[in-house]
Amino acid sequence: MERQRRLAAVSEVPEGADPSPSPARAAEDRQTLAVVMKAIQRLPDQQREALVLSVDEDLRYDQIGAILACSVAAVKVRIHRARLQLKSELEGQERAWKT
């Protein structure tokens, strides 16, 4: 099954749409990026390495396993645990901001 594209055709974009974000939105995006990067840096080394190779380098699990000298199953576990930890930490920070 092919992944569905999330991009809209140029003809479907409203004419009045401004492609550049507002200064407030840009500041919020920079703050969010900083929070996510700090959370990634706090991951255990093995989890962070596997996650970065998967997401940033767009490598397959078998390629990551070869680089990290571990099995595909170990790669899957590391990435899964990294995502769970990031989700938990980021949700905790979001709750703290809202209170």
PDB file of N, CA and C in Angstrom:
ATOM      1  N   MET A   1       0.847  -1.179   0.000  1.00  0.00           N
ATOM      2  CA  MET A   1       0.000   0.000   0.000  1.00  0.00           C
ATOM      3  C   MET A   1       0.894   1.244   0.000  1.00  0.00           C
ATOM      4  N   GLU A   2       0.596   2.141  -0.883  1.00  0.00           N
ATOM      5  CA  GLU A   2       1.377   3.356  -0.973  1.00  0.00           C
ATOM      6  C   GLU A   2       0.916   4.370   0.061  1.00  0.00           C
ATOM      7  N   ARG A   3       1.864   5.116   0.594  1.00  0.00           N
ATOM      8  CA  ARG A   3       1.502   6.165   1.549  1.00  0.00           C
ATOM      9  C   ARG A   3       0.773   7.277   0.824  1.00  0.00           C
ATOM     10  N   GLN A   4      -0.246   7.805   1.460  1.00  0.00           N
ATOM     11  CA  GLN A   4      -0.963   8.925   0.873  1.00  0.00           C
ATOM     12  C   GLN A   4      -0.180  10.197   1.138  1.00  0.00           C
ATOM     13  N   ARG A   5      -0.128  11.030   0.168  1.00  0.00           N
ATOM     14  CA  ARG A   5       0.590  12.290   0.319  1.00  0.00           C
ATOM     15  C   ARG A   5      -0.235  13.269   1.118  1.00  0.00           C
ATOM     16  N   ARG A   6       0.427  14.048   1.932  1.00  0.00           N
ATOM     17  CA  ARG A   6      -0.244  15.045   2.762  1.00  0.00           C
ATOM     18  C   ARG A   6      -0.123  16.442   2.173  1.00  0.00           C
ATOM     19  N   LEU A   7       0.427  16.526   1.004  1.00  0.00           N
ATOM     20  CA  LEU A   7       0.626  17.822   0.384  1.00  0.00           C
ATOM     21  C   LEU A   7      -0.575  18.167  -0.487  1.00  0.00           C
ATOM     22  N   ALA A   8      -0.917  19.420  -0.504  1.00  0.00           N
ATOM     23  CA  ALA A   8      -2.016  19.883  -1.342  1.00  0.00           C
ATOM     24  C   ALA A   8      -1.438  20.393  -2.654  1.00  0.00           C
ATOM     25  N   ALA A   9      -2.179  20.219  -3.701  1.00  0.00           N
ATOM     26  CA  ALA A   9      -1.762  20.762  -4.991  1.00  0.00           C
ATOM     27  C   ALA A   9      -1.782  22.280  -4.905  1.00  0.00           C
ATOM     28  N   VAL A  10      -0.912  22.907  -5.666  1.00  0.00           N
ATOM     29  CA  VAL A  10      -0.821  24.373  -5.646  1.00  0.00           C
ATOM     30  C   VAL A  10      -2.167  24.992  -5.980  1.00  0.00           C
ATOM     31  N   SER A  11      -2.909  24.363  -6.875  1.00  0.00           N
ATOM     32  CA  SER A  11      -4.213  24.911  -7.263  1.00  0.00           C
ATOM     33  C   SER A  11      -5.228  24.852  -6.129  1.00  0.00           C
ATOM     34  N   GLU A  12      -4.981  23.997  -5.106  1.00  0.00           N
ATOM     35  CA  GLU A  12      -5.913  23.855  -3.988  1.00  0.00           C
ATOM     36  C   GLU A  12      -5.628  24.822  -2.842  1.00  0.00           C
ATOM     37  N   VAL A  13      -4.502  25.496  -2.874  1.00  0.00           N
ATOM     38  CA  VAL A  13      -4.136  26.427  -1.805  1.00  0.00           C
ATOM     39  C   VAL A  13      -4.889  27.730  -2.021  1.00  0.00           C
ATOM     40  N   PRO A  14      -5.555  28.238  -0.989  1.00  0.00           N
ATOM     41  CA  PRO A  14      -6.279  29.507  -1.141  1.00  0.00           C
ATOM     42  C   PRO A  14      -5.335  30.628  -1.564  1.00  0.00           C
ATOM     43  N   GLU A  15      -5.833  31.531  -2.387  1.00  0.00           N
ATOM     44  CA  GLU A  15      -4.997  32.612  -2.909  1.00  0.00           C
ATOM     45  C   GLU A  15      -4.438  33.508  -1.824  1.00  0.00           C
ATOM     46  N   GLY A  16      -5.196  33.752  -0.772  1.00  0.00           N
ATOM     47  CA  GLY A  16      -4.755  34.660   0.277  1.00  0.00           C
ATOM     48  C   GLY A  16      -3.831  34.025   1.295  1.00  0.00           C
ATOM     49  N   ALA A  17      -3.455  32.762   1.097  1.00  0.00           N
ATOM     50  CA  ALA A  17      -2.612  32.073   2.072  1.00  0.00           C
ATOM     51  C   ALA A  17      -1.206  32.659   2.068  1.00  0.00           C
ATOM     52  N   ASP A  18      -0.719  33.013   3.238  1.00  0.00           N
ATOM     53  CA  ASP A  18       0.624  33.549   3.396  1.00  0.00           C
ATOM     54  C   ASP A  18       1.553  32.398   3.760  1.00  0.00           C
ATOM     55  N   PRO A  19       2.546  32.076   2.908  1.00  0.00           N
ATOM     56  CA  PRO A  19       3.417  30.933   3.189  1.00  0.00           C
ATOM     57  C   PRO A  19       4.359  31.147   4.372  1.00  0.00           C
ATOM     58  N   SER A  20       4.577  32.384   4.753  1.00  0.00           N
ATOM     59  CA  SER A  20       5.480  32.630   5.879  1.00  0.00           C
ATOM     60  C   SER A  20       4.673  32.730   7.176  1.00  0.00           C
ATOM     61  N   PRO A  21       5.162  32.088   8.234  1.00  0.00           N
ATOM     62  CA  PRO A  21       4.427  32.141   9.501  1.00  0.00           C
ATOM     63  C   PRO A  21       4.525  33.517  10.152  1.00  0.00           C
ATOM     64  N   SER A  22       3.575  33.787  11.016  1.00  0.00           N
ATOM     65  CA  SER A  22       3.608  35.053  11.743  1.00  0.00           C
ATOM     66  C   SER A  22       4.797  35.029  12.701  1.00  0.00           C
ATOM     67  N   PRO A  23       5.262  36.186  13.145  1.00  0.00           N
ATOM     68  CA  PRO A  23       6.376  36.213  14.096  1.00  0.00           C
ATOM     69  C   PRO A  23       6.073  35.417  15.370  1.00  0.00           C
ATOM     70  N   ALA A  24       4.829  35.475  15.836  1.00  0.00           N
ATOM     71  CA  ALA A  24       4.465  34.727  17.040  1.00  0.00           C
ATOM     72  C   ALA A  24       4.548  33.229  16.778  1.00  0.00           C
ATOM     73  N   ARG A  25       4.065  32.802  15.627  1.00  0.00           N
ATOM     74  CA  ARG A  25       4.106  31.375  15.271  1.00  0.00           C
ATOM     75  C   ARG A  25       5.549  30.914  15.098  1.00  0.00           C
ATOM     76  N   ALA A  26       6.376  31.724  14.472  1.00  0.00           N
ATOM     77  CA  ALA A  26       7.780  31.383  14.269  1.00  0.00           C
ATOM     78  C   ALA A  26       8.492  31.238  15.616  1.00  0.00           C
ATOM     79  N   ALA A  27       8.202  32.127  16.550  1.00  0.00           N
ATOM     80  CA  ALA A  27       8.813  32.047  17.887  1.00  0.00           C
ATOM     81  C   ALA A  27       8.346  30.785  18.609  1.00  0.00           C
ATOM     82  N   GLU A  28       7.064  30.469  18.482  1.00  0.00           N
ATOM     83  CA  GLU A  28       6.520  29.262  19.108  1.00  0.00           C
ATOM     84  C   GLU A  28       7.167  28.014  18.505  1.00  0.00           C
ATOM     85  N   ASP A  29       7.346  28.000  17.188  1.00  0.00           N
ATOM     86  CA  ASP A  29       7.983  26.861  16.521  1.00  0.00           C
ATOM     87  C   ASP A  29       9.428  26.687  16.979  1.00  0.00           C
ATOM     88  N   ARG A  30      10.156  27.796  17.138  1.00  0.00           N
ATOM     89  CA  ARG A  30      11.553  27.720  17.617  1.00  0.00           C
ATOM     90  C   ARG A  30      11.606  27.182  19.042  1.00  0.00           C
ATOM     91  N   GLN A  31      10.671  27.613  19.876  1.00  0.00           N
ATOM     92  CA  GLN A  31      10.625  27.142  21.259  1.00  0.00           C
ATOM     93  C   GLN A  31      10.306  25.651  21.294  1.00  0.00           C
ATOM     94  N   THR A  32       9.356  25.224  20.490  1.00  0.00           N
ATOM     95  CA  THR A  32       8.994  23.809  20.438  1.00  0.00           C
ATOM     96  C   THR A  32      10.170  22.974  19.964  1.00  0.00           C
ATOM     97  N   LEU A  33      10.867  23.440  18.945  1.00  0.00           N
ATOM     98  CA  LEU A  33      12.041  22.726  18.437  1.00  0.00           C
ATOM     99  C   LEU A  33      13.108  22.601  19.515  1.00  0.00           C
ATOM    100  N   ALA A  34      13.347  23.662  20.261  1.00  0.00           N
ATOM    101  CA  ALA A  34      14.348  23.624  21.327  1.00  0.00           C
ATOM    102  C   ALA A  34      13.971  22.607  22.401  1.00  0.00           C
ATOM    103  N   VAL A  35      12.698  22.554  22.763  1.00  0.00           N
ATOM    104  CA  VAL A  35      12.230  21.604  23.777  1.00  0.00           C
ATOM    105  C   VAL A  35      12.403  20.170  23.283  1.00  0.00           C
ATOM    106  N   VAL A  36      12.040  19.921  22.034  1.00  0.00           N
ATOM    107  CA  VAL A  36      12.168  18.568  21.469  1.00  0.00           C
ATOM    108  C   VAL A  36      13.643  18.165  21.382  1.00  0.00           C
ATOM    109  N   MET A  37      14.493  19.067  20.950  1.00  0.00           N
ATOM    110  CA  MET A  37      15.929  18.753  20.843  1.00  0.00           C
ATOM    111  C   MET A  37      16.528  18.428  22.217  1.00  0.00           C
ATOM    112  N   LYS A  38      16.146  19.172  23.236  1.00  0.00           N
ATOM    113  CA  LYS A  38      16.647  18.880  24.584  1.00  0.00           C
ATOM    114  C   LYS A  38      16.159  17.523  25.058  1.00  0.00           C
ATOM    115  N   ALA A  39      14.905  17.202  24.748  1.00  0.00           N
ATOM    116  CA  ALA A  39      14.363  15.896  25.138  1.00  0.00           C
ATOM    117  C   ALA A  39      15.099  14.772  24.419  1.00  0.00           C
ATOM    118  N   ILE A  40      15.423  14.963  23.160  1.00  0.00           N
ATOM    119  CA  ILE A  40      16.181  13.957  22.411  1.00  0.00           C
ATOM    120  C   ILE A  40      17.575  13.797  22.999  1.00  0.00           C
ATOM    121  N   GLN A  41      18.197  14.888  23.389  1.00  0.00           N
ATOM    122  CA  GLN A  41      19.536  14.821  23.981  1.00  0.00           C
ATOM    123  C   GLN A  41      19.545  14.072  25.306  1.00  0.00           C
ATOM    124  N   ARG A  42      18.419  14.057  26.000  1.00  0.00           N
ATOM    125  CA  ARG A  42      18.343  13.359  27.285  1.00  0.00           C
ATOM    126  C   ARG A  42      18.092  11.856  27.141  1.00  0.00           C
ATOM    127  N   LEU A  43      17.791  11.395  25.933  1.00  0.00           N
ATOM    128  CA  LEU A  43      17.592   9.962  25.726  1.00  0.00           C
ATOM    129  C   LEU A  43      18.893   9.207  25.981  1.00  0.00           C
ATOM    130  N   PRO A  44      18.794   7.958  26.419  1.00  0.00           N
ATOM    131  CA  PRO A  44      20.014   7.134  26.514  1.00  0.00           C
ATOM    132  C   PRO A  44      20.683   7.052  25.132  1.00  0.00           C
ATOM    133  N   ASP A  45      22.006   6.969  25.124  1.00  0.00           N
ATOM    134  CA  ASP A  45      22.769   6.998  23.872  1.00  0.00           C
ATOM    135  C   ASP A  45      22.254   6.010  22.832  1.00  0.00           C
ATOM    136  N   GLN A  46      22.018   4.765  23.228  1.00  0.00           N
ATOM    137  CA  GLN A  46      21.594   3.747  22.267  1.00  0.00           C
ATOM    138  C   GLN A  46      20.246   4.097  21.649  1.00  0.00           C
ATOM    139  N   GLN A  47      19.336   4.602  22.441  1.00  0.00           N
ATOM    140  CA  GLN A  47      18.023   4.984  21.917  1.00  0.00           C
ATOM    141  C   GLN A  47      18.137   6.197  20.998  1.00  0.00           C
ATOM    142  N   ARG A  48      18.912   7.181  21.421  1.00  0.00           N
ATOM    143  CA  ARG A  48      19.068   8.399  20.629  1.00  0.00           C
ATOM    144  C   ARG A  48      19.708   8.084  19.277  1.00  0.00           C
ATOM    145  N   GLU A  49      20.755   7.256  19.283  1.00  0.00           N
ATOM    146  CA  GLU A  49      21.430   6.906  18.035  1.00  0.00           C
ATOM    147  C   GLU A  49      20.475   6.223  17.065  1.00  0.00           C
ATOM    148  N   ALA A  50      19.727   5.239  17.559  1.00  0.00           N
ATOM    149  CA  ALA A  50      18.797   4.509  16.697  1.00  0.00           C
ATOM    150  C   ALA A  50      17.703   5.429  16.166  1.00  0.00           C
ATOM    151  N   LEU A  51      17.165   6.275  17.016  1.00  0.00           N
ATOM    152  CA  LEU A  51      16.095   7.183  16.605  1.00  0.00           C
ATOM    153  C   LEU A  51      16.585   8.178  15.555  1.00  0.00           C
ATOM    154  N   VAL A  52      17.739   8.755  15.767  1.00  0.00           N
ATOM    155  CA  VAL A  52      18.274   9.739  14.820  1.00  0.00           C
ATOM    156  C   VAL A  52      18.561   9.083  13.473  1.00  0.00           C
ATOM    157  N   LEU A  53      19.126   7.888  13.488  1.00  0.00           N
ATOM    158  CA  LEU A  53      19.391   7.193  12.225  1.00  0.00           C
ATOM    159  C   LEU A  53      18.096   6.870  11.489  1.00  0.00           C
ATOM    160  N   SER A  54      17.067   6.555  12.239  1.00  0.00           N
ATOM    161  CA  SER A  54      15.780   6.228  11.626  1.00  0.00           C
ATOM    162  C   SER A  54      15.069   7.466  11.089  1.00  0.00           C
ATOM    163  N   VAL A  55      14.975   8.485  11.908  1.00  0.00           N
ATOM    164  CA  VAL A  55      14.180   9.664  11.545  1.00  0.00           C
ATOM    165  C   VAL A  55      14.977  10.646  10.685  1.00  0.00           C
ATOM    166  N   ASP A  56      16.152  11.010  11.135  1.00  0.00           N
ATOM    167  CA  ASP A  56      16.924  12.042  10.444  1.00  0.00           C
ATOM    168  C   ASP A  56      17.604  11.506   9.188  1.00  0.00           C
ATOM    169  N   GLU A  57      18.179  10.322   9.297  1.00  0.00           N
ATOM    170  CA  GLU A  57      18.898   9.745   8.160  1.00  0.00           C
ATOM    171  C   GLU A  57      17.997   8.884   7.278  1.00  0.00           C
ATOM    172  N   ASP A  58      16.780   8.589   7.746  1.00  0.00           N
ATOM    173  CA  ASP A  58      15.790   7.813   6.996  1.00  0.00           C
ATOM    174  C   ASP A  58      16.332   6.440   6.584  1.00  0.00           C
ATOM    175  N   LEU A  59      17.021   5.794   7.524  1.00  0.00           N
ATOM    176  CA  LEU A  59      17.566   4.469   7.260  1.00  0.00           C
ATOM    177  C   LEU A  59      16.588   3.386   7.687  1.00  0.00           C
ATOM    178  N   ARG A  60      16.686   2.232   7.035  1.00  0.00           N
ATOM    179  CA  ARG A  60      15.875   1.069   7.397  1.00  0.00           C
ATOM    180  C   ARG A  60      16.460   0.428   8.651  1.00  0.00           C
ATOM    181  N   TYR A  61      15.642  -0.370   9.325  1.00  0.00           N
ATOM    182  CA  TYR A  61      16.081  -1.017  10.561  1.00  0.00           C
ATOM    183  C   TYR A  61      17.303  -1.904  10.342  1.00  0.00           C
ATOM    184  N   ASP A  62      17.355  -2.626   9.225  1.00  0.00           N
ATOM    185  CA  ASP A  62      18.506  -3.492   8.980  1.00  0.00           C
ATOM    186  C   ASP A  62      19.781  -2.672   8.787  1.00  0.00           C
ATOM    187  N   GLN A  63      19.673  -1.511   8.164  1.00  0.00           N
ATOM    188  CA  GLN A  63      20.831  -0.635   8.004  1.00  0.00           C
ATOM    189  C   GLN A  63      21.288  -0.086   9.353  1.00  0.00           C
ATOM    190  N   ILE A  64      20.330   0.298  10.176  1.00  0.00           N
ATOM    191  CA  ILE A  64      20.665   0.817  11.510  1.00  0.00           C
ATOM    192  C   ILE A  64      21.332  -0.273  12.333  1.00  0.00           C
ATOM    193  N   GLY A  65      20.803  -1.494  12.250  1.00  0.00           N
ATOM    194  CA  GLY A  65      21.400  -2.618  12.965  1.00  0.00           C
ATOM    195  C   GLY A  65      22.843  -2.856  12.555  1.00  0.00           C
ATOM    196  N   ALA A  66      23.120  -2.738  11.262  1.00  0.00           N
ATOM    197  CA  ALA A  66      24.493  -2.918  10.787  1.00  0.00           C
ATOM    198  C   ALA A  66      25.410  -1.825  11.328  1.00  0.00           C
ATOM    199  N   ILE A  67      24.918  -0.614  11.359  1.00  0.00           N
ATOM    200  CA  ILE A  67      25.724   0.513  11.861  1.00  0.00           C
ATOM    201  C   ILE A  67      25.980   0.383  13.356  1.00  0.00           C
ATOM    202  N   LEU A  68      24.930   0.002  14.108  1.00  0.00           N
ATOM    203  CA  LEU A  68      25.039  -0.069  15.565  1.00  0.00           C
ATOM    204  C   LEU A  68      25.480  -1.441  16.064  1.00  0.00           C
ATOM    205  N   ALA A  69      25.711  -2.368  15.148  1.00  0.00           N
ATOM    206  CA  ALA A  69      26.144  -3.733  15.485  1.00  0.00           C
ATOM    207  C   ALA A  69      25.166  -4.408  16.445  1.00  0.00           C
ATOM    208  N   CYS A  70      23.896  -4.388  16.054  1.00  0.00           N
ATOM    209  CA  CYS A  70      22.868  -5.056  16.842  1.00  0.00           C
ATOM    210  C   CYS A  70      21.809  -5.622  15.906  1.00  0.00           C
ATOM    211  N   SER A  71      20.922  -6.417  16.447  1.00  0.00           N
ATOM    212  CA  SER A  71      19.889  -7.049  15.633  1.00  0.00           C
ATOM    213  C   SER A  71      18.786  -6.050  15.261  1.00  0.00           C
ATOM    214  N   VAL A  72      18.007  -6.420  14.261  1.00  0.00           N
ATOM    215  CA  VAL A  72      16.869  -5.596  13.855  1.00  0.00           C
ATOM    216  C   VAL A  72      15.883  -5.493  15.015  1.00  0.00           C
ATOM    217  N   ALA A  73      15.700  -6.587  15.749  1.00  0.00           N
ATOM    218  CA  ALA A  73      14.790  -6.561  16.899  1.00  0.00           C
ATOM    219  C   ALA A  73      15.259  -5.538  17.942  1.00  0.00           C
ATOM    220  N   ALA A  74      16.564  -5.494  18.181  1.00  0.00           N
ATOM    221  CA  ALA A  74      17.107  -4.530  19.143  1.00  0.00           C
ATOM    222  C   ALA A  74      16.883  -3.099  18.654  1.00  0.00           C
ATOM    223  N   VAL A  75      17.047  -2.875  17.360  1.00  0.00           N
ATOM    224  CA  VAL A  75      16.810  -1.544  16.787  1.00  0.00           C
ATOM    225  C   VAL A  75      15.358  -1.139  17.004  1.00  0.00           C
ATOM    226  N   LYS A  76      14.431  -2.060  16.722  1.00  0.00           N
ATOM    227  CA  LYS A  76      13.005  -1.773  16.896  1.00  0.00           C
ATOM    228  C   LYS A  76      12.687  -1.415  18.345  1.00  0.00           C
ATOM    229  N   VAL A  77      13.270  -2.155  19.278  1.00  0.00           N
ATOM    230  CA  VAL A  77      13.026  -1.901  20.698  1.00  0.00           C
ATOM    231  C   VAL A  77      13.580  -0.537  21.091  1.00  0.00           C
ATOM    232  N   ARG A  78      14.795  -0.219  20.646  1.00  0.00           N
ATOM    233  CA  ARG A  78      15.420   1.064  20.992  1.00  0.00           C
ATOM    234  C   ARG A  78      14.591   2.237  20.476  1.00  0.00           C
ATOM    235  N   ILE A  79      14.143   2.138  19.228  1.00  0.00           N
ATOM    236  CA  ILE A  79      13.363   3.226  18.640  1.00  0.00           C
ATOM    237  C   ILE A  79      12.005   3.344  19.336  1.00  0.00           C
ATOM    238  N   HIS A  80      11.390   2.216  19.610  1.00  0.00           N
ATOM    239  CA  HIS A  80      10.098   2.228  20.296  1.00  0.00           C
ATOM    240  C   HIS A  80      10.220   2.874  21.678  1.00  0.00           C
ATOM    241  N   ARG A  81      11.217   2.471  22.423  1.00  0.00           N
ATOM    242  CA  ARG A  81      11.416   3.037  23.763  1.00  0.00           C
ATOM    243  C   ARG A  81      11.752   4.519  23.701  1.00  0.00           C
ATOM    244  N   ALA A  82      12.534   4.918  22.717  1.00  0.00           N
ATOM    245  CA  ALA A  82      12.870   6.338  22.559  1.00  0.00           C
ATOM    246  C   ALA A  82      11.612   7.153  22.296  1.00  0.00           C
ATOM    247  N   ARG A  83      10.762   6.649  21.413  1.00  0.00           N
ATOM    248  CA  ARG A  83       9.524   7.369  21.098  1.00  0.00           C
ATOM    249  C   ARG A  83       8.604   7.454  22.304  1.00  0.00           C
ATOM    250  N   LEU A  84       8.499   6.356  23.062  1.00  0.00           N
ATOM    251  CA  LEU A  84       7.668   6.378  24.262  1.00  0.00           C
ATOM    252  C   LEU A  84       8.184   7.389  25.280  1.00  0.00           C
ATOM    253  N   GLN A  85       9.503   7.407  25.478  1.00  0.00           N
ATOM    254  CA  GLN A  85      10.086   8.329  26.445  1.00  0.00           C
ATOM    255  C   GLN A  85       9.893   9.778  25.994  1.00  0.00           C
ATOM    256  N   LEU A  86      10.097  10.042  24.716  1.00  0.00           N
ATOM    257  CA  LEU A  86       9.889  11.397  24.207  1.00  0.00           C
ATOM    258  C   LEU A  86       8.434  11.823  24.361  1.00  0.00           C
ATOM    259  N   LYS A  87       7.531  10.942  24.005  1.00  0.00           N
ATOM    260  CA  LYS A  87       6.108  11.252  24.126  1.00  0.00           C
ATOM    261  C   LYS A  87       5.748  11.578  25.566  1.00  0.00           C
ATOM    262  N   SER A  88       6.208  10.758  26.484  1.00  0.00           N
ATOM    263  CA  SER A  88       5.906  10.965  27.895  1.00  0.00           C
ATOM    264  C   SER A  88       6.471  12.292  28.392  1.00  0.00           C
ATOM    265  N   GLU A  89       7.718  12.551  28.050  1.00  0.00           N
ATOM    266  CA  GLU A  89       8.365  13.775  28.510  1.00  0.00           C
ATOM    267  C   GLU A  89       7.716  15.021  27.908  1.00  0.00           C
ATOM    268  N   LEU A  90       7.413  14.979  26.627  1.00  0.00           N
ATOM    269  CA  LEU A  90       6.827  16.144  25.970  1.00  0.00           C
ATOM    270  C   LEU A  90       5.397  16.382  26.430  1.00  0.00           C
ATOM    271  N   GLU A  91       4.647  15.323  26.677  1.00  0.00           N
ATOM    272  CA  GLU A  91       3.292  15.497  27.213  1.00  0.00           C
ATOM    273  C   GLU A  91       3.347  16.072  28.619  1.00  0.00           C
ATOM    274  N   GLY A  92       4.327  15.651  29.410  1.00  0.00           N
ATOM    275  CA  GLY A  92       4.487  16.196  30.751  1.00  0.00           C
ATOM    276  C   GLY A  92       4.803  17.674  30.720  1.00  0.00           C
ATOM    277  N   GLN A  93       5.644  18.093  29.804  1.00  0.00           N
ATOM    278  CA  GLN A  93       5.979  19.505  29.672  1.00  0.00           C
ATOM    279  C   GLN A  93       4.786  20.314  29.165  1.00  0.00           C
ATOM    280  N   GLU A  94       4.005  19.719  28.274  1.00  0.00           N
ATOM    281  CA  GLU A  94       2.820  20.414  27.769  1.00  0.00           C
ATOM    282  C   GLU A  94       1.811  20.643  28.887  1.00  0.00           C
ATOM    283  N   ARG A  95       1.641  19.635  29.755  1.00  0.00           N
ATOM    284  CA  ARG A  95       0.728  19.805  30.896  1.00  0.00           C
ATOM    285  C   ARG A  95       1.237  20.891  31.823  1.00  0.00           C
ATOM    286  N   ALA A  96       2.548  20.965  32.018  1.00  0.00           N
ATOM    287  CA  ALA A  96       3.123  21.985  32.901  1.00  0.00           C
ATOM    288  C   ALA A  96       2.899  23.380  32.328  1.00  0.00           C
ATOM    289  N   TRP A  97       2.959  23.523  31.005  1.00  0.00           N
ATOM    290  CA  TRP A  97       2.749  24.837  30.382  1.00  0.00           C
ATOM    291  C   TRP A  97       1.305  25.291  30.541  1.00  0.00           C
ATOM    292  N   LYS A  98       0.385  24.336  30.532  1.00  0.00           N
ATOM    293  CA  LYS A  98      -1.038  24.697  30.558  1.00  0.00           C
ATOM    294  C   LYS A  98      -1.521  25.032  31.964  1.00  0.00           C
ATOM    295  N   THR A  99      -0.757  24.685  32.983  1.00  0.00           N
ATOM    296  CA  THR A  99      -1.187  24.971  34.352  1.00  0.00           C
ATOM    297  C   THR A  99      -0.674  26.283  34.843  1.00  0.00           C
TER     298      THR A  99
END
